[in-house]
Amino acid sequence: MSHHKKVLQETLFSWLPLAVAIIIMSSLVYVVAQQSYRNAANDPQIQIAQDITTALNKGDVQADAIVPPTSTSEMSSSLATFVTIFSATGTPVGSSVAVDGKLPTIAEKILVAAKKSGESRITWQPKPGLRIATVITSYKNSTASGFVLAGRSLKETDIRIAQLGIITAITTLIALILSFLALWQMARKNPGLTEHHEHTAEHHHTHSA
């Protein structure tokens, strides 16, 4: 084996554990940042849903006074936070936005989960290509019960997460390349390191024989 191949082999052997560590750390940074972006997308909805639920529980206001029974604003074209209220059976009572001209509907199992826990925070997809950061709470007073859904498009959040993924991938690749080059240069300037491994291998071979 030529000297250059020995140096390259030694460098690769030393670099692999470092490469694994770099990839793991980069992945952890990405996951933490991604979750931070996603959780922050719920913030306005949490307050709105809880405030409306408190008012409905007290009976201070009726559901039809909060949201109109029909809406001309389309969910897919708005980045604003919206509210939809459902009856106890899951029928939409009213909404500040519509989906293709109709009141939004949501799977019954999602409402059941919200009723059991008191509040659910999910990513809701009312139609293909439309992702909503959603907070759902349940309410009950002396005359009615149902659910409050506060939502907001994840369009901008998804763009930021995608950009984060690209930046993380590029910086990880740069770190991998630079770390390999640094170790390679060290191995070239310290040929004794390679010779040490060769002598060790020969010693083990002779001992085995």
C-alpha atoms as a PDB file:
ATOM      1  CA  MET A   1       0.000   0.000   0.000  1.00  0.00           C
ATOM      2  CA  SER A   2       1.372   3.433  -0.969  1.00  0.00           C
ATOM      3  CA  HIS A   3       2.088   6.088   1.619  1.00  0.00           C
ATOM      4  CA  HIS A   4      -0.769   8.320   0.380  1.00  0.00           C
ATOM      5  CA  LYS A   5      -3.261   5.488   0.615  1.00  0.00           C
ATOM      6  CA  LYS A   6      -2.071   4.682   4.127  1.00  0.00           C
ATOM      7  CA  VAL A   7      -2.498   8.308   5.177  1.00  0.00           C
ATOM      8  CA  LEU A   8      -5.974   8.440   3.632  1.00  0.00           C
ATOM      9  CA  GLN A   9      -6.985   5.194   5.307  1.00  0.00           C
ATOM     10  CA  GLU A  10      -5.712   6.381   8.685  1.00  0.00           C
ATOM     11  CA  THR A  11      -7.501   9.708   8.279  1.00  0.00           C
ATOM     12  CA  LEU A  12     -10.770   8.010   7.405  1.00  0.00           C
ATOM     13  CA  PHE A  13     -10.441   5.654  10.373  1.00  0.00           C
ATOM     14  CA  SER A  14      -9.926   8.598  12.762  1.00  0.00           C
ATOM     15  CA  TRP A  15     -12.585  10.782  11.126  1.00  0.00           C
ATOM     16  CA  LEU A  16     -15.568   8.393  11.174  1.00  0.00           C
ATOM     17  CA  PRO A  17     -16.368   8.735  14.924  1.00  0.00           C
ATOM     18  CA  LEU A  18     -16.082  12.523  14.610  1.00  0.00           C
ATOM     19  CA  ALA A  19     -18.359  12.497  11.557  1.00  0.00           C
ATOM     20  CA  VAL A  20     -20.995  10.508  13.440  1.00  0.00           C
ATOM     21  CA  ALA A  21     -20.826  12.976  16.345  1.00  0.00           C
ATOM     22  CA  ILE A  22     -21.186  15.966  13.990  1.00  0.00           C
ATOM     23  CA  ILE A  23     -24.233  14.426  12.282  1.00  0.00           C
ATOM     24  CA  ILE A  24     -25.875  13.578  15.629  1.00  0.00           C
ATOM     25  CA  MET A  25     -25.333  17.068  17.032  1.00  0.00           C
ATOM     26  CA  SER A  26     -26.588  18.732  13.839  1.00  0.00           C
ATOM     27  CA  SER A  27     -29.691  16.543  13.894  1.00  0.00           C
ATOM     28  CA  LEU A  28     -30.388  17.438  17.523  1.00  0.00           C
ATOM     29  CA  VAL A  29     -30.021  21.153  16.783  1.00  0.00           C
ATOM     30  CA  TYR A  30     -32.419  20.818  13.837  1.00  0.00           C
ATOM     31  CA  VAL A  31     -35.038  18.907  15.834  1.00  0.00           C
ATOM     32  CA  VAL A  32     -34.946  21.381  18.734  1.00  0.00           C
ATOM     33  CA  ALA A  33     -35.244  24.396  16.414  1.00  0.00           C
ATOM     34  CA  GLN A  34     -37.953  22.729  14.323  1.00  0.00           C
ATOM     35  CA  GLN A  35     -40.032  21.958  17.412  1.00  0.00           C
ATOM     36  CA  SER A  36     -39.541  25.512  18.656  1.00  0.00           C
ATOM     37  CA  TYR A  37     -40.866  26.913  15.363  1.00  0.00           C
ATOM     38  CA  ARG A  38     -43.847  24.543  15.394  1.00  0.00           C
ATOM     39  CA  ASN A  39     -44.796  25.138  19.031  1.00  0.00           C
ATOM     40  CA  ALA A  40     -44.525  28.905  18.621  1.00  0.00           C
ATOM     41  CA  ALA A  41     -47.088  28.680  15.806  1.00  0.00           C
ATOM     42  CA  ASN A  42     -49.703  27.716  18.444  1.00  0.00           C
ATOM     43  CA  ASP A  43     -49.251  30.755  20.677  1.00  0.00           C
ATOM     44  CA  PRO A  44     -52.021  33.093  19.454  1.00  0.00           C
ATOM     45  CA  GLN A  45     -54.512  30.216  19.136  1.00  0.00           C
ATOM     46  CA  ILE A  46     -53.957  29.068  22.721  1.00  0.00           C
ATOM     47  CA  GLN A  47     -54.976  32.426  24.144  1.00  0.00           C
ATOM     48  CA  ILE A  48     -57.911  32.895  21.769  1.00  0.00           C
ATOM     49  CA  ALA A  49     -59.332  29.410  22.311  1.00  0.00           C
ATOM     50  CA  GLN A  50     -58.994  29.602  26.092  1.00  0.00           C
ATOM     51  CA  ASP A  51     -60.518  33.095  26.321  1.00  0.00           C
ATOM     52  CA  ILE A  52     -63.522  32.123  24.183  1.00  0.00           C
ATOM     53  CA  THR A  53     -63.982  28.885  26.109  1.00  0.00           C
ATOM     54  CA  THR A  54     -63.958  30.744  29.426  1.00  0.00           C
ATOM     55  CA  ALA A  55     -66.626  33.144  28.173  1.00  0.00           C
ATOM     56  CA  LEU A  56     -68.793  30.291  26.867  1.00  0.00           C
ATOM     57  CA  ASN A  57     -68.420  28.293  30.078  1.00  0.00           C
ATOM     58  CA  LYS A  58     -69.666  31.276  32.077  1.00  0.00           C
ATOM     59  CA  GLY A  59     -72.565  31.789  29.699  1.00  0.00           C
ATOM     60  CA  ASP A  60     -71.516  35.390  29.131  1.00  0.00           C
ATOM     61  CA  VAL A  61     -71.887  34.969  25.370  1.00  0.00           C
ATOM     62  CA  GLN A  62     -73.445  32.547  22.904  1.00  0.00           C
ATOM     63  CA  ALA A  63     -71.519  30.740  20.175  1.00  0.00           C
ATOM     64  CA  ASP A  64     -73.468  32.377  17.341  1.00  0.00           C
ATOM     65  CA  ALA A  65     -72.473  35.799  18.699  1.00  0.00           C
ATOM     66  CA  ILE A  66     -68.775  34.962  18.340  1.00  0.00           C
ATOM     67  CA  VAL A  67     -68.636  33.532  14.813  1.00  0.00           C
ATOM     68  CA  PRO A  68     -70.995  34.033  11.852  1.00  0.00           C
ATOM     69  CA  PRO A  69     -73.033  31.048  10.566  1.00  0.00           C
ATOM     70  CA  THR A  70     -71.496  31.630   7.120  1.00  0.00           C
ATOM     71  CA  SER A  71     -68.196  33.146   6.046  1.00  0.00           C
ATOM     72  CA  THR A  72     -66.909  34.657   2.822  1.00  0.00           C
ATOM     73  CA  SER A  73     -63.246  34.549   3.885  1.00  0.00           C
ATOM     74  CA  GLU A  74     -61.324  31.534   2.593  1.00  0.00           C
ATOM     75  CA  MET A  75     -59.015  29.691   4.978  1.00  0.00           C
ATOM     76  CA  SER A  76     -56.497  28.853   2.243  1.00  0.00           C
ATOM     77  CA  SER A  77     -55.916  32.497   1.310  1.00  0.00           C
ATOM     78  CA  SER A  78     -55.427  33.883   4.816  1.00  0.00           C
ATOM     79  CA  LEU A  79     -52.560  33.802   7.300  1.00  0.00           C
ATOM     80  CA  ALA A  80     -54.687  35.317  10.071  1.00  0.00           C
ATOM     81  CA  THR A  81     -55.831  33.392  13.126  1.00  0.00           C
ATOM     82  CA  PHE A  82     -59.427  32.169  12.773  1.00  0.00           C
ATOM     83  CA  VAL A  83     -62.083  30.619  15.003  1.00  0.00           C
ATOM     84  CA  THR A  84     -64.601  27.861  14.336  1.00  0.00           C
ATOM     85  CA  ILE A  85     -67.126  26.652  16.893  1.00  0.00           C
ATOM     86  CA  PHE A  86     -68.679  23.183  16.806  1.00  0.00           C
ATOM     87  CA  SER A  87     -71.693  21.811  18.632  1.00  0.00           C
ATOM     88  CA  ALA A  88     -71.417  18.864  21.029  1.00  0.00           C
ATOM     89  CA  THR A  89     -72.114  16.520  18.093  1.00  0.00           C
ATOM     90  CA  GLY A  90     -69.342  18.040  15.963  1.00  0.00           C
ATOM     91  CA  THR A  91     -71.615  20.093  13.689  1.00  0.00           C
ATOM     92  CA  PRO A  92     -70.070  23.476  12.797  1.00  0.00           C
ATOM     93  CA  VAL A  93     -72.088  26.282  14.413  1.00  0.00           C
ATOM     94  CA  GLY A  94     -70.164  29.069  12.717  1.00  0.00           C
ATOM     95  CA  SER A  95     -66.715  30.096  11.574  1.00  0.00           C
ATOM     96  CA  SER A  96     -64.726  33.181  10.710  1.00  0.00           C
ATOM     97  CA  VAL A  97     -63.369  31.336   7.647  1.00  0.00           C
ATOM     98  CA  ALA A  98     -64.658  28.857   5.094  1.00  0.00           C
ATOM     99  CA  VAL A  99     -63.096  25.926   3.249  1.00  0.00           C
ATOM    100  CA  ASP A 100     -64.091  26.042  -0.419  1.00  0.00           C
ATOM    101  CA  GLY A 101     -67.107  28.153   0.506  1.00  0.00           C
ATOM    102  CA  LYS A 102     -68.341  25.814   3.259  1.00  0.00           C
ATOM    103  CA  LEU A 103     -68.002  25.771   7.038  1.00  0.00           C
ATOM    104  CA  PRO A 104     -64.957  23.757   8.138  1.00  0.00           C
ATOM    105  CA  THR A 105     -65.527  20.225   9.407  1.00  0.00           C
ATOM    106  CA  ILE A 106     -63.171  18.073  11.448  1.00  0.00           C
ATOM    107  CA  ALA A 107     -62.957  14.385  12.323  1.00  0.00           C
ATOM    108  CA  GLU A 108     -65.073  13.347  15.303  1.00  0.00           C
ATOM    109  CA  LYS A 109     -62.174  11.481  16.930  1.00  0.00           C
ATOM    110  CA  ILE A 110     -60.213  14.737  17.156  1.00  0.00           C
ATOM    111  CA  LEU A 111     -63.058  16.403  19.023  1.00  0.00           C
ATOM    112  CA  VAL A 112     -63.447  13.389  21.302  1.00  0.00           C
ATOM    113  CA  ALA A 113     -59.746  13.597  22.189  1.00  0.00           C
ATOM    114  CA  ALA A 114     -60.105  17.307  22.937  1.00  0.00           C
ATOM    115  CA  LYS A 115     -63.081  16.623  25.206  1.00  0.00           C
ATOM    116  CA  LYS A 116     -61.164  13.984  27.175  1.00  0.00           C
ATOM    117  CA  SER A 117     -58.069  16.106  27.704  1.00  0.00           C
ATOM    118  CA  GLY A 118     -59.773  19.507  27.799  1.00  0.00           C
ATOM    119  CA  GLU A 119     -57.486  20.828  25.080  1.00  0.00           C
ATOM    120  CA  SER A 120     -55.751  19.457  21.975  1.00  0.00           C
ATOM    121  CA  ARG A 121     -52.945  21.024  19.973  1.00  0.00           C
ATOM    122  CA  ILE A 122     -52.582  19.418  16.571  1.00  0.00           C
ATOM    123  CA  THR A 123     -51.605  20.007  12.962  1.00  0.00           C
ATOM    124  CA  TRP A 124     -54.865  19.888  11.038  1.00  0.00           C
ATOM    125  CA  GLN A 125     -55.132  19.429   7.279  1.00  0.00           C
ATOM    126  CA  PRO A 126     -58.663  20.397   6.200  1.00  0.00           C
ATOM    127  CA  LYS A 127     -57.719  19.815   2.560  1.00  0.00           C
ATOM    128  CA  PRO A 128     -54.594  18.804   0.605  1.00  0.00           C
ATOM    129  CA  GLY A 129     -51.837  21.399   0.721  1.00  0.00           C
ATOM    130  CA  LEU A 130     -53.351  23.302   3.645  1.00  0.00           C
ATOM    131  CA  ARG A 131     -51.776  22.745   7.063  1.00  0.00           C
ATOM    132  CA  ILE A 132     -53.194  24.470  10.123  1.00  0.00           C
ATOM    133  CA  ALA A 133     -51.687  24.912  13.596  1.00  0.00           C
ATOM    134  CA  THR A 134     -54.804  24.135  15.610  1.00  0.00           C
ATOM    135  CA  VAL A 135     -55.862  24.427  19.238  1.00  0.00           C
ATOM    136  CA  ILE A 136     -59.175  22.816  20.209  1.00  0.00           C
ATOM    137  CA  THR A 137     -60.923  23.251  23.557  1.00  0.00           C
ATOM    138  CA  SER A 138     -64.266  21.994  24.838  1.00  0.00           C
ATOM    139  CA  TYR A 139     -66.869  24.101  26.634  1.00  0.00           C
ATOM    140  CA  LYS A 140     -70.058  23.455  28.564  1.00  0.00           C
ATOM    141  CA  ASN A 141     -72.572  25.727  30.233  1.00  0.00           C
ATOM    142  CA  SER A 142     -76.156  25.445  31.444  1.00  0.00           C
ATOM    143  CA  THR A 143     -77.641  25.699  27.936  1.00  0.00           C
ATOM    144  CA  ALA A 144     -75.093  24.274  25.502  1.00  0.00           C
ATOM    145  CA  SER A 145     -71.801  22.482  25.019  1.00  0.00           C
ATOM    146  CA  GLY A 146     -69.373  22.100  22.182  1.00  0.00           C
ATOM    147  CA  PHE A 147     -65.891  22.857  20.955  1.00  0.00           C
ATOM    148  CA  VAL A 148     -63.826  25.926  20.117  1.00  0.00           C
ATOM    149  CA  LEU A 149     -61.225  25.608  17.368  1.00  0.00           C
ATOM    150  CA  ALA A 150     -58.632  28.341  16.883  1.00  0.00           C
ATOM    151  CA  GLY A 151     -56.281  27.906  13.960  1.00  0.00           C
ATOM    152  CA  ARG A 152     -53.664  29.572  11.812  1.00  0.00           C
ATOM    153  CA  SER A 153     -51.942  28.580   8.574  1.00  0.00           C
ATOM    154  CA  LEU A 154     -48.547  26.902   8.903  1.00  0.00           C
ATOM    155  CA  LYS A 155     -47.438  28.207   5.501  1.00  0.00           C
ATOM    156  CA  GLU A 156     -44.824  30.641   6.830  1.00  0.00           C
ATOM    157  CA  THR A 157     -43.716  28.240   9.572  1.00  0.00           C
ATOM    158  CA  ASP A 158     -43.211  25.452   7.034  1.00  0.00           C
ATOM    159  CA  ILE A 159     -41.121  27.787   4.872  1.00  0.00           C
ATOM    160  CA  ARG A 160     -38.899  28.635   7.846  1.00  0.00           C
ATOM    161  CA  ILE A 161     -38.530  24.973   8.788  1.00  0.00           C
ATOM    162  CA  ALA A 162     -37.564  24.122   5.194  1.00  0.00           C
ATOM    163  CA  GLN A 163     -34.962  26.903   5.231  1.00  0.00           C
ATOM    164  CA  LEU A 164     -33.697  25.597   8.553  1.00  0.00           C
ATOM    165  CA  GLY A 165     -33.292  22.142   7.035  1.00  0.00           C
ATOM    166  CA  ILE A 166     -31.263  23.519   4.128  1.00  0.00           C
ATOM    167  CA  ILE A 167     -29.023  25.591   6.400  1.00  0.00           C
ATOM    168  CA  THR A 168     -28.495  22.643   8.753  1.00  0.00           C
ATOM    169  CA  ALA A 169     -27.610  20.328   5.868  1.00  0.00           C
ATOM    170  CA  ILE A 170     -25.127  22.817   4.382  1.00  0.00           C
ATOM    171  CA  THR A 171     -23.413  23.575   7.705  1.00  0.00           C
ATOM    172  CA  THR A 172     -23.215  19.854   8.515  1.00  0.00           C
ATOM    173  CA  LEU A 173     -21.617  19.124   5.151  1.00  0.00           C
ATOM    174  CA  ILE A 174     -19.116  21.947   5.633  1.00  0.00           C
ATOM    175  CA  ALA A 175     -18.256  20.701   9.129  1.00  0.00           C
ATOM    176  CA  LEU A 176     -17.734  17.173   7.804  1.00  0.00           C
ATOM    177  CA  ILE A 177     -15.477  18.336   4.980  1.00  0.00           C
ATOM    178  CA  LEU A 178     -13.405  20.686   7.161  1.00  0.00           C
ATOM    179  CA  SER A 179     -12.972  18.115   9.920  1.00  0.00           C
ATOM    180  CA  PHE A 180     -11.811  15.504   7.409  1.00  0.00           C
ATOM    181  CA  LEU A 181      -9.353  17.921   5.783  1.00  0.00           C
ATOM    182  CA  ALA A 182      -7.992  18.931   9.192  1.00  0.00           C
ATOM    183  CA  LEU A 183      -7.370  15.324  10.212  1.00  0.00           C
ATOM    184  CA  TRP A 184      -5.877  14.560   6.801  1.00  0.00           C
ATOM    185  CA  GLN A 185      -3.409  17.414   7.124  1.00  0.00           C
ATOM    186  CA  MET A 186      -2.478  16.241  10.606  1.00  0.00           C
ATOM    187  CA  ALA A 187      -1.900  12.712   9.333  1.00  0.00           C
ATOM    188  CA  ARG A 188       0.273  13.995   6.460  1.00  0.00           C
ATOM    189  CA  LYS A 189       2.421  16.051   8.833  1.00  0.00           C
ATOM    190  CA  ASN A 190       2.662  13.195  11.337  1.00  0.00           C
ATOM    191  CA  PRO A 191       3.549  10.061   9.347  1.00  0.00           C
ATOM    192  CA  GLY A 192       4.675   8.373  12.545  1.00  0.00           C
ATOM    193  CA  LEU A 193       1.014   7.938  13.463  1.00  0.00           C
ATOM    194  CA  THR A 194       0.484   5.713  10.443  1.00  0.00           C
ATOM    195  CA  GLU A 195       3.707   3.815  11.096  1.00  0.00           C
ATOM    196  CA  HIS A 196       2.605   3.220  14.684  1.00  0.00           C
ATOM    197  CA  HIS A 197      -0.573   1.558  13.494  1.00  0.00           C
ATOM    198  CA  GLU A 198       1.401  -0.515  10.982  1.00  0.00           C
ATOM    199  CA  HIS A 199       3.821  -1.730  13.670  1.00  0.00           C
ATOM    200  CA  THR A 200       0.898  -2.514  15.956  1.00  0.00           C
ATOM    201  CA  ALA A 201      -0.770  -4.550  13.217  1.00  0.00           C
ATOM    202  CA  GLU A 202       2.495  -6.418  12.502  1.00  0.00           C
ATOM    203  CA  HIS A 203       2.959  -7.143  16.198  1.00  0.00           C
ATOM    204  CA  HIS A 204      -0.511  -8.639  16.485  1.00  0.00           C
ATOM    205  CA  HIS A 205       0.076 -10.683  13.341  1.00  0.00           C
ATOM    206  CA  THR A 206       3.403 -12.035  14.631  1.00  0.00           C
ATOM    207  CA  HIS A 207       1.929 -12.767  18.057  1.00  0.00           C
ATOM    208  CA  SER A 208      -0.970 -14.665  16.487  1.00  0.00           C
ATOM    209  CA  ALA A 209       1.419 -16.743  14.375  1.00  0.00           C
END
